[in-house]
Amino acid sequence: MEVRAITRHLPISPQKLRLVCDRVRGMGAEQAMVVLDFMPQKGAYFVRKTLASAIANAENNFDLAAPSLYISQIFAGDGPRLRRYKAGARGRYKPRVKRTSHLTIILAEREEEK
């Protein structure tokens, strides 16, 4: 059984978000929540919030227990880019690209060993 949570249009570049995703990929869901609490990166807040949503989806919609869940897939994709311009020297303008990202977390249930 797989449970999915998606957060779209996050105001952070995908490259910065992928650094946090790589750190928690494959961890147990509860262990990842603890690790994300102590990470100083801005992206850790977004990943933690999406992970909490995925755990809540698993518990409420599919009756899965949180200790048996792990992060099977986590990835950050490109969102729309906001193009802004700022005045530059000698009457020119300087382009600014504000990147956004879409975060997807897929949780799976660990199989019990017999």
PDB file of N, CA and C in Angstrom:
ATOM      1  N   MET A   1       0.850  -1.178   0.000  1.00  0.00           N
ATOM      2  CA  MET A   1       0.000   0.000   0.000  1.00  0.00           C
ATOM      3  C   MET A   1       0.892   1.237   0.000  1.00  0.00           C
ATOM      4  N   GLU A   2       0.612   2.166  -0.889  1.00  0.00           N
ATOM      5  CA  GLU A   2       1.362   3.414  -0.966  1.00  0.00           C
ATOM      6  C   GLU A   2       0.434   4.589  -0.683  1.00  0.00           C
ATOM      7  N   VAL A   3       0.954   5.547   0.057  1.00  0.00           N
ATOM      8  CA  VAL A   3       0.210   6.753   0.400  1.00  0.00           C
ATOM      9  C   VAL A   3       0.997   7.940  -0.125  1.00  0.00           C
ATOM     10  N   ARG A   4       0.303   8.902  -0.698  1.00  0.00           N
ATOM     11  CA  ARG A   4       0.965  10.011  -1.380  1.00  0.00           C
ATOM     12  C   ARG A   4       0.493  11.351  -0.798  1.00  0.00           C
ATOM     13  N   ALA A   5       1.423  12.299  -0.724  1.00  0.00           N
ATOM     14  CA  ALA A   5       1.089  13.685  -0.376  1.00  0.00           C
ATOM     15  C   ALA A   5       1.904  14.591  -1.296  1.00  0.00           C
ATOM     16  N   ILE A   6       1.246  15.600  -1.861  1.00  0.00           N
ATOM     17  CA  ILE A   6       1.883  16.508  -2.805  1.00  0.00           C
ATOM     18  C   ILE A   6       1.672  17.946  -2.328  1.00  0.00           C
ATOM     19  N   THR A   7       2.735  18.712  -2.328  1.00  0.00           N
ATOM     20  CA  THR A   7       2.645  20.141  -2.038  1.00  0.00           C
ATOM     21  C   THR A   7       3.168  20.885  -3.251  1.00  0.00           C
ATOM     22  N   ARG A   8       2.380  21.817  -3.742  1.00  0.00           N
ATOM     23  CA  ARG A   8       2.748  22.510  -4.973  1.00  0.00           C
ATOM     24  C   ARG A   8       3.033  23.986  -4.702  1.00  0.00           C
ATOM     25  N   HIS A   9       3.810  24.588  -5.601  1.00  0.00           N
ATOM     26  CA  HIS A   9       4.116  26.020  -5.590  1.00  0.00           C
ATOM     27  C   HIS A   9       4.838  26.463  -4.316  1.00  0.00           C
ATOM     28  N   LEU A  10       5.795  25.678  -3.855  1.00  0.00           N
ATOM     29  CA  LEU A  10       6.581  26.066  -2.686  1.00  0.00           C
ATOM     30  C   LEU A  10       7.571  27.163  -3.073  1.00  0.00           C
ATOM     31  N   PRO A  11       7.724  28.189  -2.248  1.00  0.00           N
ATOM     32  CA  PRO A  11       8.603  29.306  -2.603  1.00  0.00           C
ATOM     33  C   PRO A  11      10.079  29.037  -2.292  1.00  0.00           C
ATOM     34  N   ILE A  12      10.612  27.970  -2.855  1.00  0.00           N
ATOM     35  CA  ILE A  12      12.012  27.601  -2.672  1.00  0.00           C
ATOM     36  C   ILE A  12      12.449  26.889  -3.948  1.00  0.00           C
ATOM     37  N   SER A  13      13.717  27.020  -4.297  1.00  0.00           N
ATOM     38  CA  SER A  13      14.177  26.385  -5.532  1.00  0.00           C
ATOM     39  C   SER A  13      14.251  24.871  -5.342  1.00  0.00           C
ATOM     40  N   PRO A  14      14.013  24.103  -6.393  1.00  0.00           N
ATOM     41  CA  PRO A  14      14.054  22.651  -6.286  1.00  0.00           C
ATOM     42  C   PRO A  14      15.428  22.128  -5.874  1.00  0.00           C
ATOM     43  N   GLN A  15      16.487  22.825  -6.293  1.00  0.00           N
ATOM     44  CA  GLN A  15      17.840  22.385  -5.945  1.00  0.00           C
ATOM     45  C   GLN A  15      18.048  22.409  -4.433  1.00  0.00           C
ATOM     46  N   LYS A  16      17.569  23.432  -3.767  1.00  0.00           N
ATOM     47  CA  LYS A  16      17.711  23.523  -2.316  1.00  0.00           C
ATOM     48  C   LYS A  16      16.821  22.497  -1.609  1.00  0.00           C
ATOM     49  N   LEU A  17      15.654  22.246  -2.175  1.00  0.00           N
ATOM     50  CA  LEU A  17      14.731  21.290  -1.577  1.00  0.00           C
ATOM     51  C   LEU A  17      15.246  19.859  -1.726  1.00  0.00           C
ATOM     52  N   ARG A  18      15.933  19.571  -2.831  1.00  0.00           N
ATOM     53  CA  ARG A  18      16.458  18.223  -3.056  1.00  0.00           C
ATOM     54  C   ARG A  18      17.540  17.851  -2.045  1.00  0.00           C
ATOM     55  N   LEU A  19      18.282  18.824  -1.529  1.00  0.00           N
ATOM     56  CA  LEU A  19      19.295  18.541  -0.514  1.00  0.00           C
ATOM     57  C   LEU A  19      18.657  17.947   0.744  1.00  0.00           C
ATOM     58  N   VAL A  20      17.493  18.466   1.115  1.00  0.00           N
ATOM     59  CA  VAL A  20      16.776  17.948   2.282  1.00  0.00           C
ATOM     60  C   VAL A  20      16.149  16.597   1.949  1.00  0.00           C
ATOM     61  N   CYS A  21      15.600  16.458   0.743  1.00  0.00           N
ATOM     62  CA  CYS A  21      14.964  15.202   0.340  1.00  0.00           C
ATOM     63  C   CYS A  21      15.968  14.051   0.356  1.00  0.00           C
ATOM     64  N   ASP A  22      17.179  14.306  -0.110  1.00  0.00           N
ATOM     65  CA  ASP A  22      18.200  13.263  -0.142  1.00  0.00           C
ATOM     66  C   ASP A  22      18.567  12.791   1.260  1.00  0.00           C
ATOM     67  N   ARG A  23      18.468  13.685   2.230  1.00  0.00           N
ATOM     68  CA  ARG A  23      18.835  13.344   3.610  1.00  0.00           C
ATOM     69  C   ARG A  23      17.842  12.378   4.261  1.00  0.00           C
ATOM     70  N   VAL A  24      16.559  12.485   3.923  1.00  0.00           N
ATOM     71  CA  VAL A  24      15.542  11.674   4.604  1.00  0.00           C
ATOM     72  C   VAL A  24      15.013  10.516   3.755  1.00  0.00           C
ATOM     73  N   ARG A  25      15.461  10.386   2.522  1.00  0.00           N
ATOM     74  CA  ARG A  25      14.969   9.321   1.645  1.00  0.00           C
ATOM     75  C   ARG A  25      15.275   7.953   2.244  1.00  0.00           C
ATOM     76  N   GLY A  26      14.278   7.081   2.321  1.00  0.00           N
ATOM     77  CA  GLY A  26      14.450   5.726   2.825  1.00  0.00           C
ATOM     78  C   GLY A  26      14.279   5.582   4.333  1.00  0.00           C
ATOM     79  N   MET A  27      14.179   6.674   5.055  1.00  0.00           N
ATOM     80  CA  MET A  27      14.020   6.618   6.521  1.00  0.00           C
ATOM     81  C   MET A  27      12.594   6.224   6.890  1.00  0.00           C
ATOM     82  N   GLY A  28      12.456   5.790   8.127  1.00  0.00           N
ATOM     83  CA  GLY A  28      11.132   5.599   8.673  1.00  0.00           C
ATOM     84  C   GLY A  28      10.454   6.949   8.827  1.00  0.00           C
ATOM     85  N   ALA A  29       9.143   6.977   8.760  1.00  0.00           N
ATOM     86  CA  ALA A  29       8.414   8.244   8.772  1.00  0.00           C
ATOM     87  C   ALA A  29       8.616   9.006  10.078  1.00  0.00           C
ATOM     88  N   GLU A  30       8.539   8.310  11.203  1.00  0.00           N
ATOM     89  CA  GLU A  30       8.696   8.981  12.493  1.00  0.00           C
ATOM     90  C   GLU A  30      10.125   9.450  12.708  1.00  0.00           C
ATOM     91  N   GLN A  31      11.091   8.652  12.274  1.00  0.00           N
ATOM     92  CA  GLN A  31      12.493   9.040  12.408  1.00  0.00           C
ATOM     93  C   GLN A  31      12.788  10.267  11.544  1.00  0.00           C
ATOM     94  N   ALA A  32      12.215  10.324  10.352  1.00  0.00           N
ATOM     95  CA  ALA A  32      12.420  11.459   9.458  1.00  0.00           C
ATOM     96  C   ALA A  32      11.832  12.736  10.061  1.00  0.00           C
ATOM     97  N   MET A  33      10.703  12.632  10.752  1.00  0.00           N
ATOM     98  CA  MET A  33      10.108  13.802  11.389  1.00  0.00           C
ATOM     99  C   MET A  33      11.059  14.389  12.435  1.00  0.00           C
ATOM    100  N   VAL A  34      11.711  13.520  13.205  1.00  0.00           N
ATOM    101  CA  VAL A  34      12.647  13.983  14.230  1.00  0.00           C
ATOM    102  C   VAL A  34      13.866  14.633  13.578  1.00  0.00           C
ATOM    103  N   VAL A  35      14.398  14.016  12.529  1.00  0.00           N
ATOM    104  CA  VAL A  35      15.566  14.572  11.839  1.00  0.00           C
ATOM    105  C   VAL A  35      15.231  15.935  11.248  1.00  0.00           C
ATOM    106  N   LEU A  36      14.054  16.067  10.649  1.00  0.00           N
ATOM    107  CA  LEU A  36      13.660  17.330  10.022  1.00  0.00           C
ATOM    108  C   LEU A  36      13.462  18.442  11.045  1.00  0.00           C
ATOM    109  N   ASP A  37      13.076  18.088  12.271  1.00  0.00           N
ATOM    110  CA  ASP A  37      12.912  19.097  13.318  1.00  0.00           C
ATOM    111  C   ASP A  37      14.215  19.832  13.603  1.00  0.00           C
ATOM    112  N   PHE A  38      15.340  19.144  13.473  1.00  0.00           N
ATOM    113  CA  PHE A  38      16.623  19.717  13.864  1.00  0.00           C
ATOM    114  C   PHE A  38      17.477  20.172  12.683  1.00  0.00           C
ATOM    115  N   MET A  39      16.940  20.122  11.483  1.00  0.00           N
ATOM    116  CA  MET A  39      17.698  20.598  10.328  1.00  0.00           C
ATOM    117  C   MET A  39      17.507  22.109  10.187  1.00  0.00           C
ATOM    118  N   PRO A  40      18.579  22.859   9.932  1.00  0.00           N
ATOM    119  CA  PRO A  40      18.461  24.320   9.854  1.00  0.00           C
ATOM    120  C   PRO A  40      17.970  24.844   8.504  1.00  0.00           C
ATOM    121  N   GLN A  41      17.900  24.001   7.482  1.00  0.00           N
ATOM    122  CA  GLN A  41      17.529  24.467   6.150  1.00  0.00           C
ATOM    123  C   GLN A  41      16.061  24.891   6.092  1.00  0.00           C
ATOM    124  N   LYS A  42      15.789  25.845   5.225  1.00  0.00           N
ATOM    125  CA  LYS A  42      14.420  26.315   5.015  1.00  0.00           C
ATOM    126  C   LYS A  42      13.545  25.200   4.452  1.00  0.00           C
ATOM    127  N   GLY A  43      14.119  24.360   3.593  1.00  0.00           N
ATOM    128  CA  GLY A  43      13.357  23.287   2.967  1.00  0.00           C
ATOM    129  C   GLY A  43      12.890  22.222   3.942  1.00  0.00           C
ATOM    130  N   ALA A  44      13.557  22.098   5.082  1.00  0.00           N
ATOM    131  CA  ALA A  44      13.168  21.089   6.074  1.00  0.00           C
ATOM    132  C   ALA A  44      11.764  21.358   6.597  1.00  0.00           C
ATOM    133  N   TYR A  45      11.397  22.626   6.715  1.00  0.00           N
ATOM    134  CA  TYR A  45      10.057  22.981   7.177  1.00  0.00           C
ATOM    135  C   TYR A  45       9.003  22.482   6.188  1.00  0.00           C
ATOM    136  N   PHE A  46       9.244  22.700   4.888  1.00  0.00           N
ATOM    137  CA  PHE A  46       8.284  22.279   3.871  1.00  0.00           C
ATOM    138  C   PHE A  46       8.187  20.760   3.780  1.00  0.00           C
ATOM    139  N   VAL A  47       9.322  20.077   3.870  1.00  0.00           N
ATOM    140  CA  VAL A  47       9.323  18.607   3.807  1.00  0.00           C
ATOM    141  C   VAL A  47       8.616  18.031   5.022  1.00  0.00           C
ATOM    142  N   ARG A  48       8.858  18.611   6.196  1.00  0.00           N
ATOM    143  CA  ARG A  48       8.226  18.107   7.416  1.00  0.00           C
ATOM    144  C   ARG A  48       6.711  18.278   7.354  1.00  0.00           C
ATOM    145  N   LYS A  49       6.272  19.404   6.844  1.00  0.00           N
ATOM    146  CA  LYS A  49       4.837  19.665   6.767  1.00  0.00           C
ATOM    147  C   LYS A  49       4.152  18.700   5.790  1.00  0.00           C
ATOM    148  N   THR A  50       4.792  18.436   4.664  1.00  0.00           N
ATOM    149  CA  THR A  50       4.240  17.507   3.685  1.00  0.00           C
ATOM    150  C   THR A  50       4.273  16.075   4.212  1.00  0.00           C
ATOM    151  N   LEU A  51       5.343  15.725   4.922  1.00  0.00           N
ATOM    152  CA  LEU A  51       5.444  14.389   5.513  1.00  0.00           C
ATOM    153  C   LEU A  51       4.361  14.176   6.569  1.00  0.00           C
ATOM    154  N   ALA A  52       4.083  15.184   7.371  1.00  0.00           N
ATOM    155  CA  ALA A  52       3.007  15.085   8.364  1.00  0.00           C
ATOM    156  C   ALA A  52       1.663  14.869   7.679  1.00  0.00           C
ATOM    157  N   SER A  53       1.457  15.511   6.541  1.00  0.00           N
ATOM    158  CA  SER A  53       0.226  15.324   5.784  1.00  0.00           C
ATOM    159  C   SER A  53       0.123  13.904   5.237  1.00  0.00           C
ATOM    160  N   ALA A  54       1.254  13.369   4.751  1.00  0.00           N
ATOM    161  CA  ALA A  54       1.248  12.002   4.220  1.00  0.00           C
ATOM    162  C   ALA A  54       0.951  10.987   5.328  1.00  0.00           C
ATOM    163  N   ILE A  55       1.517  11.211   6.513  1.00  0.00           N
ATOM    164  CA  ILE A  55       1.255  10.303   7.638  1.00  0.00           C
ATOM    165  C   ILE A  55      -0.219  10.378   8.036  1.00  0.00           C
ATOM    166  N   ALA A  56      -0.777  11.583   8.073  1.00  0.00           N
ATOM    167  CA  ALA A  56      -2.197  11.745   8.408  1.00  0.00           C
ATOM    168  C   ALA A  56      -3.089  11.080   7.358  1.00  0.00           C
ATOM    169  N   ASN A  57      -2.702  11.179   6.082  1.00  0.00           N
ATOM    170  CA  ASN A  57      -3.461  10.494   5.032  1.00  0.00           C
ATOM    171  C   ASN A  57      -3.450   8.993   5.250  1.00  0.00           C
ATOM    172  N   ALA A  58      -2.287   8.454   5.614  1.00  0.00           N
ATOM    173  CA  ALA A  58      -2.162   7.006   5.828  1.00  0.00           C
ATOM    174  C   ALA A  58      -3.016   6.546   7.001  1.00  0.00           C
ATOM    175  N   GLU A  59      -2.998   7.315   8.083  1.00  0.00           N
ATOM    176  CA  GLU A  59      -3.743   6.907   9.279  1.00  0.00           C
ATOM    177  C   GLU A  59      -5.252   7.049   9.084  1.00  0.00           C
ATOM    178  N   ASN A  60      -5.693   8.153   8.502  1.00  0.00           N
ATOM    179  CA  ASN A  60      -7.129   8.417   8.406  1.00  0.00           C
ATOM    180  C   ASN A  60      -7.799   7.720   7.233  1.00  0.00           C
ATOM    181  N   ASN A  61      -7.128   7.656   6.092  1.00  0.00           N
ATOM    182  CA  ASN A  61      -7.778   7.123   4.898  1.00  0.00           C
ATOM    183  C   ASN A  61      -7.550   5.626   4.706  1.00  0.00           C
ATOM    184  N   PHE A  62      -6.415   5.118   5.176  1.00  0.00           N
ATOM    185  CA  PHE A  62      -6.074   3.726   4.902  1.00  0.00           C
ATOM    186  C   PHE A  62      -5.867   2.886   6.154  1.00  0.00           C
ATOM    187  N   ASP A  63      -6.059   3.444   7.335  1.00  0.00           N
ATOM    188  CA  ASP A  63      -5.910   2.734   8.618  1.00  0.00           C
ATOM    189  C   ASP A  63      -4.540   2.074   8.762  1.00  0.00           C
ATOM    190  N   LEU A  64      -3.484   2.790   8.386  1.00  0.00           N
ATOM    191  CA  LEU A  64      -2.117   2.292   8.547  1.00  0.00           C
ATOM    192  C   LEU A  64      -1.500   2.911   9.791  1.00  0.00           C
ATOM    193  N   ALA A  65      -0.649   2.156  10.460  1.00  0.00           N
ATOM    194  CA  ALA A  65       0.018   2.657  11.664  1.00  0.00           C
ATOM    195  C   ALA A  65       1.276   3.420  11.272  1.00  0.00           C
ATOM    196  N   ALA A  66       1.509   4.543  11.924  1.00  0.00           N
ATOM    197  CA  ALA A  66       2.663   5.398  11.595  1.00  0.00           C
ATOM    198  C   ALA A  66       4.010   4.702  11.797  1.00  0.00           C
ATOM    199  N   PRO A  67       4.197   3.863  12.842  1.00  0.00           N
ATOM    200  CA  PRO A  67       5.519   3.232  13.013  1.00  0.00           C
ATOM    201  C   PRO A  67       5.904   2.274  11.885  1.00  0.00           C
ATOM    202  N   SER A  68       4.933   1.788  11.140  1.00  0.00           N
ATOM    203  CA  SER A  68       5.245   0.830  10.071  1.00  0.00           C
ATOM    204  C   SER A  68       5.486   1.505   8.722  1.00  0.00           C
ATOM    205  N   LEU A  69       5.455   2.837   8.660  1.00  0.00           N
ATOM    206  CA  LEU A  69       5.611   3.549   7.406  1.00  0.00           C
ATOM    207  C   LEU A  69       7.047   4.013   7.193  1.00  0.00           C
ATOM    208  N   TYR A  70       7.479   4.048   5.942  1.00  0.00           N
ATOM    209  CA  TYR A  70       8.778   4.610   5.591  1.00  0.00           C
ATOM    210  C   TYR A  70       8.645   5.398   4.290  1.00  0.00           C
ATOM    211  N   ILE A  71       9.610   6.258   4.032  1.00  0.00           N
ATOM    212  CA  ILE A  71       9.584   7.096   2.836  1.00  0.00           C
ATOM    213  C   ILE A  71      10.156   6.292   1.677  1.00  0.00           C
ATOM    214  N   SER A  72       9.286   5.801   0.812  1.00  0.00           N
ATOM    215  CA  SER A  72       9.760   5.005  -0.314  1.00  0.00           C
ATOM    216  C   SER A  72      10.237   5.890  -1.460  1.00  0.00           C
ATOM    217  N   GLN A  73       9.549   7.004  -1.693  1.00  0.00           N
ATOM    218  CA  GLN A  73       9.963   7.956  -2.732  1.00  0.00           C
ATOM    219  C   GLN A  73       9.730   9.370  -2.227  1.00  0.00           C
ATOM    220  N   ILE A  74      10.678  10.231  -2.520  1.00  0.00           N
ATOM    221  CA  ILE A  74      10.528  11.650  -2.222  1.00  0.00           C
ATOM    222  C   ILE A  74      11.292  12.409  -3.292  1.00  0.00           C
ATOM    223  N   PHE A  75      10.629  13.363  -3.921  1.00  0.00           N
ATOM    224  CA  PHE A  75      11.312  14.128  -4.953  1.00  0.00           C
ATOM    225  C   PHE A  75      10.713  15.519  -5.066  1.00  0.00           C
ATOM    226  N   ALA A  76      11.549  16.435  -5.542  1.00  0.00           N
ATOM    227  CA  ALA A  76      11.152  17.826  -5.738  1.00  0.00           C
ATOM    228  C   ALA A  76      11.302  18.158  -7.214  1.00  0.00           C
ATOM    229  N   GLY A  77      10.229  18.603  -7.823  1.00  0.00           N
ATOM    230  CA  GLY A  77      10.257  18.981  -9.230  1.00  0.00           C
ATOM    231  C   GLY A  77      10.122  20.485  -9.399  1.00  0.00           C
ATOM    232  N   ASP A  78      10.365  20.937 -10.608  1.00  0.00           N
ATOM    233  CA  ASP A  78      10.261  22.363 -10.903  1.00  0.00           C
ATOM    234  C   ASP A  78       8.809  22.812 -10.901  1.00  0.00           C
ATOM    235  N   GLY A  79       8.580  23.982 -10.345  1.00  0.00           N
ATOM    236  CA  GLY A  79       7.288  24.643 -10.426  1.00  0.00           C
ATOM    237  C   GLY A  79       7.408  25.808 -11.393  1.00  0.00           C
ATOM    238  N   PRO A  80       6.391  26.620 -11.477  1.00  0.00           N
ATOM    239  CA  PRO A  80       6.489  27.782 -12.364  1.00  0.00           C
ATOM    240  C   PRO A  80       7.512  28.790 -11.841  1.00  0.00           C
ATOM    241  N   ARG A  81       8.166  29.470 -12.774  1.00  0.00           N
ATOM    242  CA  ARG A  81       9.156  30.480 -12.402  1.00  0.00           C
ATOM    243  C   ARG A  81       8.523  31.860 -12.504  1.00  0.00           C
ATOM    244  N   LEU A  82       8.706  32.647 -11.470  1.00  0.00           N
ATOM    245  CA  LEU A  82       8.212  34.014 -11.492  1.00  0.00           C
ATOM    246  C   LEU A  82       9.333  34.909 -11.988  1.00  0.00           C
ATOM    247  N   ARG A  83       9.097  35.583 -13.085  1.00  0.00           N
ATOM    248  CA  ARG A  83      10.120  36.459 -13.642  1.00  0.00           C
ATOM    249  C   ARG A  83       9.837  37.894 -13.200  1.00  0.00           C
ATOM    250  N   ARG A  84      10.800  38.453 -12.503  1.00  0.00           N
ATOM    251  CA  ARG A  84      10.699  39.824 -12.008  1.00  0.00           C
ATOM    252  C   ARG A  84      11.895  40.611 -12.521  1.00  0.00           C
ATOM    253  N   TYR A  85      11.780  41.930 -12.498  1.00  0.00           N
ATOM    254  CA  TYR A  85      12.860  42.776 -12.983  1.00  0.00           C
ATOM    255  C   TYR A  85      13.154  43.855 -11.958  1.00  0.00           C
ATOM    256  N   LYS A  86      14.441  44.162 -11.827  1.00  0.00           N
ATOM    257  CA  LYS A  86      14.867  45.193 -10.898  1.00  0.00           C
ATOM    258  C   LYS A  86      15.697  46.209 -11.670  1.00  0.00           C
ATOM    259  N   ALA A  87      15.558  47.481 -11.320  1.00  0.00           N
ATOM    260  CA  ALA A  87      16.285  48.528 -12.011  1.00  0.00           C
ATOM    261  C   ALA A  87      17.792  48.356 -11.791  1.00  0.00           C
ATOM    262  N   GLY A  88      18.546  48.539 -12.860  1.00  0.00           N
ATOM    263  CA  GLY A  88      19.997  48.428 -12.790  1.00  0.00           C
ATOM    264  C   GLY A  88      20.655  49.762 -13.107  1.00  0.00           C
ATOM    265  N   ALA A  89      21.950  49.745 -13.188  1.00  0.00           N
ATOM    266  CA  ALA A  89      22.700  50.963 -13.444  1.00  0.00           C
ATOM    267  C   ALA A  89      22.483  51.462 -14.875  1.00  0.00           C
ATOM    268  N   ARG A  90      22.572  52.772 -15.059  1.00  0.00           N
ATOM    269  CA  ARG A  90      22.512  53.427 -16.368  1.00  0.00           C
ATOM    270  C   ARG A  90      21.233  53.100 -17.139  1.00  0.00           C
ATOM    271  N   GLY A  91      20.130  53.061 -16.438  1.00  0.00           N
ATOM    272  CA  GLY A  91      18.836  52.898 -17.089  1.00  0.00           C
ATOM    273  C   GLY A  91      18.511  51.490 -17.546  1.00  0.00           C
ATOM    274  N   ARG A  92      19.292  50.533 -17.155  1.00  0.00           N
ATOM    275  CA  ARG A  92      19.022  49.143 -17.554  1.00  0.00           C
ATOM    276  C   ARG A  92      18.178  48.450 -16.487  1.00  0.00           C
ATOM    277  N   TYR A  93      17.834  47.214 -16.778  1.00  0.00           N
ATOM    278  CA  TYR A  93      17.133  46.423 -15.774  1.00  0.00           C
ATOM    279  C   TYR A  93      17.834  45.084 -15.622  1.00  0.00           C
ATOM    280  N   LYS A  94      17.682  44.508 -14.456  1.00  0.00           N
ATOM    281  CA  LYS A  94      18.294  43.219 -14.147  1.00  0.00           C
ATOM    282  C   LYS A  94      17.183  42.204 -13.901  1.00  0.00           C
ATOM    283  N   PRO A  95      17.180  41.099 -14.636  1.00  0.00           N
ATOM    284  CA  PRO A  95      16.136  40.093 -14.414  1.00  0.00           C
ATOM    285  C   PRO A  95      16.379  39.311 -13.129  1.00  0.00           C
ATOM    286  N   ARG A  96      15.299  38.970 -12.448  1.00  0.00           N
ATOM    287  CA  ARG A  96      15.327  38.105 -11.267  1.00  0.00           C
ATOM    288  C   ARG A  96      14.380  36.938 -11.554  1.00  0.00           C
ATOM    289  N   VAL A  97      14.853  35.738 -11.326  1.00  0.00           N
ATOM    290  CA  VAL A  97      14.010  34.557 -11.513  1.00  0.00           C
ATOM    291  C   VAL A  97      13.746  33.955 -10.152  1.00  0.00           C
ATOM    292  N   LYS A  98      12.491  33.971  -9.733  1.00  0.00           N
ATOM    293  CA  LYS A  98      12.112  33.394  -8.449  1.00  0.00           C
ATOM    294  C   LYS A  98      11.547  32.012  -8.721  1.00  0.00           C
ATOM    295  N   ARG A  99      12.292  31.003  -8.332  1.00  0.00           N
ATOM    296  CA  ARG A  99      11.923  29.620  -8.638  1.00  0.00           C
ATOM    297  C   ARG A  99      10.972  29.069  -7.578  1.00  0.00           C
ATOM    298  N   THR A 100      10.072  28.202  -8.024  1.00  0.00           N
ATOM    299  CA  THR A 100       9.184  27.481  -7.114  1.00  0.00           C
ATOM    300  C   THR A 100       9.332  25.993  -7.389  1.00  0.00           C
ATOM    301  N   SER A 101       8.803  25.183  -6.496  1.00  0.00           N
ATOM    302  CA  SER A 101       8.952  23.738  -6.669  1.00  0.00           C
ATOM    303  C   SER A 101       7.698  23.007  -6.195  1.00  0.00           C
ATOM    304  N   HIS A 102       7.573  21.786  -6.679  1.00  0.00           N
ATOM    305  CA  HIS A 102       6.511  20.876  -6.267  1.00  0.00           C
ATOM    306  C   HIS A 102       7.168  19.708  -5.537  1.00  0.00           C
ATOM    307  N   LEU A 103       6.673  19.385  -4.347  1.00  0.00           N
ATOM    308  CA  LEU A 103       7.238  18.313  -3.522  1.00  0.00           C
ATOM    309  C   LEU A 103       6.263  17.151  -3.461  1.00  0.00           C
ATOM    310  N   THR A 104       6.758  15.949  -3.717  1.00  0.00           N
ATOM    311  CA  THR A 104       5.942  14.732  -3.657  1.00  0.00           C
ATOM    312  C   THR A 104       6.593  13.744  -2.704  1.00  0.00           C
ATOM    313  N   ILE A 105       5.803  13.226  -1.769  1.00  0.00           N
ATOM    314  CA  ILE A 105       6.272  12.205  -0.827  1.00  0.00           C
ATOM    315  C   ILE A 105       5.350  11.000  -0.954  1.00  0.00           C
ATOM    316  N   ILE A 106       5.955   9.825  -1.139  1.00  0.00           N
ATOM    317  CA  ILE A 106       5.200   8.574  -1.207  1.00  0.00           C
ATOM    318  C   ILE A 106       5.675   7.679  -0.069  1.00  0.00           C
ATOM    319  N   LEU A 107       4.755   7.326   0.807  1.00  0.00           N
ATOM    320  CA  LEU A 107       5.047   6.438   1.925  1.00  0.00           C
ATOM    321  C   LEU A 107       4.585   5.030   1.594  1.00  0.00           C
ATOM    322  N   ALA A 108       5.328   4.057   2.078  1.00  0.00           N
ATOM    323  CA  ALA A 108       4.944   2.657   1.916  1.00  0.00           C
ATOM    324  C   ALA A 108       5.010   1.988   3.274  1.00  0.00           C
ATOM    325  N   GLU A 109       4.334   0.864   3.380  1.00  0.00           N
ATOM    326  CA  GLU A 109       4.308   0.114   4.634  1.00  0.00           C
ATOM    327  C   GLU A 109       5.386  -0.946   4.614  1.00  0.00           C
ATOM    328  N   ARG A 110       6.144  -1.030   5.697  1.00  0.00           N
ATOM    329  CA  ARG A 110       7.187  -2.065   5.798  1.00  0.00           C
ATOM    330  C   ARG A 110       6.531  -3.426   5.990  1.00  0.00           C
ATOM    331  N   GLU A 111       7.094  -4.398   5.286  1.00  0.00           N
ATOM    332  CA  GLU A 111       6.573  -5.764   5.413  1.00  0.00           C
ATOM    333  C   GLU A 111       7.123  -6.391   6.685  1.00  0.00           C
ATOM    334  N   GLU A 112       6.276  -7.065   7.416  1.00  0.00           N
ATOM    335  CA  GLU A 112       6.683  -7.755   8.648  1.00  0.00           C
ATOM    336  C   GLU A 112       7.486  -8.992   8.297  1.00  0.00           C
ATOM    337  N   GLU A 113       8.644  -9.146   8.934  1.00  0.00           N
ATOM    338  CA  GLU A 113       9.447 -10.358   8.717  1.00  0.00           C
ATOM    339  C   GLU A 113       8.984 -11.455   9.645  1.00  0.00           C
ATOM    340  N   LYS A 114       8.876 -12.669   9.091  1.00  0.00           N
ATOM    341  CA  LYS A 114       8.355 -13.781   9.902  1.00  0.00           C
ATOM    342  C   LYS A 114       9.414 -14.794  10.177  1.00  0.00           C
TER     343      LYS A 114
END
